[in-house]
Amino acid sequence: MNEWGIAADIRKIISDDNGNLSSKRVLAIVWGLGVFCVWAAVSVKKGEMAPLAWEHVGIILSLASVVAAGKWGEKPAGTP
């Protein structure tokens, strides 16, 4: 499959070292972008910076840490 530009970059970000789609990374990115988009929309609608609940920040940080910790657990292809 030939990809170009941003599509290839996104594929690298959401794939593990073997090139397989990583559900952990996709979940973290979707949650992060979803929270940001809702927060930005509410901020624009109110005309000022909307508060961000610590519960949402905690979910984002825990997903990011799971992705970061999982990176060490991924083994390159061909290793037992």
C-alpha atoms as a PDB file:
ATOM      1  CA  MET A   1       0.000   0.000   0.000  1.00  0.00           C
ATOM      2  CA  ASN A   2       1.480   3.347  -1.033  1.00  0.00           C
ATOM      3  CA  GLU A   3       0.737   6.144   1.372  1.00  0.00           C
ATOM      4  CA  TRP A   4       1.849   9.721   1.172  1.00  0.00           C
ATOM      5  CA  GLY A   5       2.205  12.706   3.439  1.00  0.00           C
ATOM      6  CA  ILE A   6       0.232  12.804   6.621  1.00  0.00           C
ATOM      7  CA  ALA A   7      -1.393   9.392   6.083  1.00  0.00           C
ATOM      8  CA  ALA A   8       2.002   7.665   6.338  1.00  0.00           C
ATOM      9  CA  ASP A   9       2.853   9.673   9.461  1.00  0.00           C
ATOM     10  CA  ILE A  10      -0.447   8.773  11.124  1.00  0.00           C
ATOM     11  CA  ARG A  11       0.072   5.106  10.215  1.00  0.00           C
ATOM     12  CA  LYS A  12       3.486   5.204  11.953  1.00  0.00           C
ATOM     13  CA  ILE A  13       2.009   6.799  15.066  1.00  0.00           C
ATOM     14  CA  ILE A  14      -0.842   4.304  15.498  1.00  0.00           C
ATOM     15  CA  SER A  15       1.144   1.187  14.537  1.00  0.00           C
ATOM     16  CA  ASP A  16       3.449  -0.920  16.676  1.00  0.00           C
ATOM     17  CA  ASP A  17       7.021  -1.822  15.674  1.00  0.00           C
ATOM     18  CA  ASN A  18       5.754  -4.698  13.511  1.00  0.00           C
ATOM     19  CA  GLY A  19       3.417  -2.425  11.541  1.00  0.00           C
ATOM     20  CA  ASN A  20       0.223  -3.731  13.158  1.00  0.00           C
ATOM     21  CA  LEU A  21      -2.507  -1.348  14.264  1.00  0.00           C
ATOM     22  CA  SER A  22      -2.236  -0.635  18.007  1.00  0.00           C
ATOM     23  CA  SER A  23      -5.644  -0.355  19.657  1.00  0.00           C
ATOM     24  CA  LYS A  24      -4.071   1.279  22.731  1.00  0.00           C
ATOM     25  CA  ARG A  25      -2.637   4.076  20.629  1.00  0.00           C
ATOM     26  CA  VAL A  26      -5.839   4.571  18.663  1.00  0.00           C
ATOM     27  CA  LEU A  27      -7.869   4.731  21.893  1.00  0.00           C
ATOM     28  CA  ALA A  28      -5.494   7.264  23.453  1.00  0.00           C
ATOM     29  CA  ILE A  29      -5.535   9.477  20.348  1.00  0.00           C
ATOM     30  CA  VAL A  30      -9.324   9.314  19.930  1.00  0.00           C
ATOM     31  CA  TRP A  31      -9.936  10.130  23.603  1.00  0.00           C
ATOM     32  CA  GLY A  32      -7.393  12.951  23.553  1.00  0.00           C
ATOM     33  CA  LEU A  33      -8.774  14.535  20.398  1.00  0.00           C
ATOM     34  CA  GLY A  34     -12.360  14.028  21.552  1.00  0.00           C
ATOM     35  CA  VAL A  35     -11.799  15.751  24.885  1.00  0.00           C
ATOM     36  CA  PHE A  36      -9.884  18.562  23.183  1.00  0.00           C
ATOM     37  CA  CYS A  37     -12.606  19.133  20.552  1.00  0.00           C
ATOM     38  CA  VAL A  38     -15.416  19.221  23.130  1.00  0.00           C
ATOM     39  CA  TRP A  39     -13.391  21.504  25.401  1.00  0.00           C
ATOM     40  CA  ALA A  40     -12.567  23.839  22.489  1.00  0.00           C
ATOM     41  CA  ALA A  41     -16.208  23.952  21.335  1.00  0.00           C
ATOM     42  CA  VAL A  42     -17.448  24.766  24.841  1.00  0.00           C
ATOM     43  CA  SER A  43     -14.740  27.425  25.221  1.00  0.00           C
ATOM     44  CA  VAL A  44     -15.693  29.068  21.926  1.00  0.00           C
ATOM     45  CA  LYS A  45     -19.403  28.946  22.772  1.00  0.00           C
ATOM     46  CA  LYS A  46     -18.854  30.515  26.214  1.00  0.00           C
ATOM     47  CA  GLY A  47     -16.361  33.047  24.896  1.00  0.00           C
ATOM     48  CA  GLU A  48     -13.821  32.166  27.592  1.00  0.00           C
ATOM     49  CA  MET A  49     -11.627  29.231  28.586  1.00  0.00           C
ATOM     50  CA  ALA A  50     -13.865  26.458  29.888  1.00  0.00           C
ATOM     51  CA  PRO A  51     -12.684  24.517  32.931  1.00  0.00           C
ATOM     52  CA  LEU A  52     -11.379  21.012  32.300  1.00  0.00           C
ATOM     53  CA  ALA A  53     -12.440  18.383  34.842  1.00  0.00           C
ATOM     54  CA  TRP A  54      -9.644  16.492  36.595  1.00  0.00           C
ATOM     55  CA  GLU A  55     -11.456  13.250  35.782  1.00  0.00           C
ATOM     56  CA  HIS A  56     -10.971  13.883  32.070  1.00  0.00           C
ATOM     57  CA  VAL A  57      -7.337  14.861  32.570  1.00  0.00           C
ATOM     58  CA  GLY A  58      -6.803  11.660  34.559  1.00  0.00           C
ATOM     59  CA  ILE A  59      -8.262   9.488  31.804  1.00  0.00           C
ATOM     60  CA  ILE A  60      -6.059  11.132  29.170  1.00  0.00           C
ATOM     61  CA  LEU A  61      -2.920  10.808  31.303  1.00  0.00           C
ATOM     62  CA  SER A  62      -3.645   7.186  32.211  1.00  0.00           C
ATOM     63  CA  LEU A  63      -4.188   6.269  28.551  1.00  0.00           C
ATOM     64  CA  ALA A  64      -0.960   8.022  27.590  1.00  0.00           C
ATOM     65  CA  SER A  65       0.955   6.190  30.315  1.00  0.00           C
ATOM     66  CA  VAL A  66      -0.492   2.829  29.229  1.00  0.00           C
ATOM     67  CA  VAL A  67       0.703   3.514  25.683  1.00  0.00           C
ATOM     68  CA  ALA A  68       4.147   4.575  26.906  1.00  0.00           C
ATOM     69  CA  ALA A  69       4.503   1.572  29.223  1.00  0.00           C
ATOM     70  CA  GLY A  70       3.225  -0.791  26.540  1.00  0.00           C
ATOM     71  CA  LYS A  71       5.954   0.377  24.169  1.00  0.00           C
ATOM     72  CA  TRP A  72       8.570  -1.298  26.367  1.00  0.00           C
ATOM     73  CA  GLY A  73       6.581  -4.534  26.305  1.00  0.00           C
ATOM     74  CA  GLU A  74       6.414  -4.722  22.521  1.00  0.00           C
ATOM     75  CA  LYS A  75       8.993  -7.080  21.071  1.00  0.00           C
ATOM     76  CA  PRO A  76      10.532  -6.681  17.626  1.00  0.00           C
ATOM     77  CA  ALA A  77       9.559  -9.259  15.003  1.00  0.00           C
ATOM     78  CA  GLY A  78      11.407 -12.558  15.306  1.00  0.00           C
ATOM     79  CA  THR A  79      12.222 -12.392  19.027  1.00  0.00           C
ATOM     80  CA  PRO A  80      10.719 -14.974  21.377  1.00  0.00           C
END
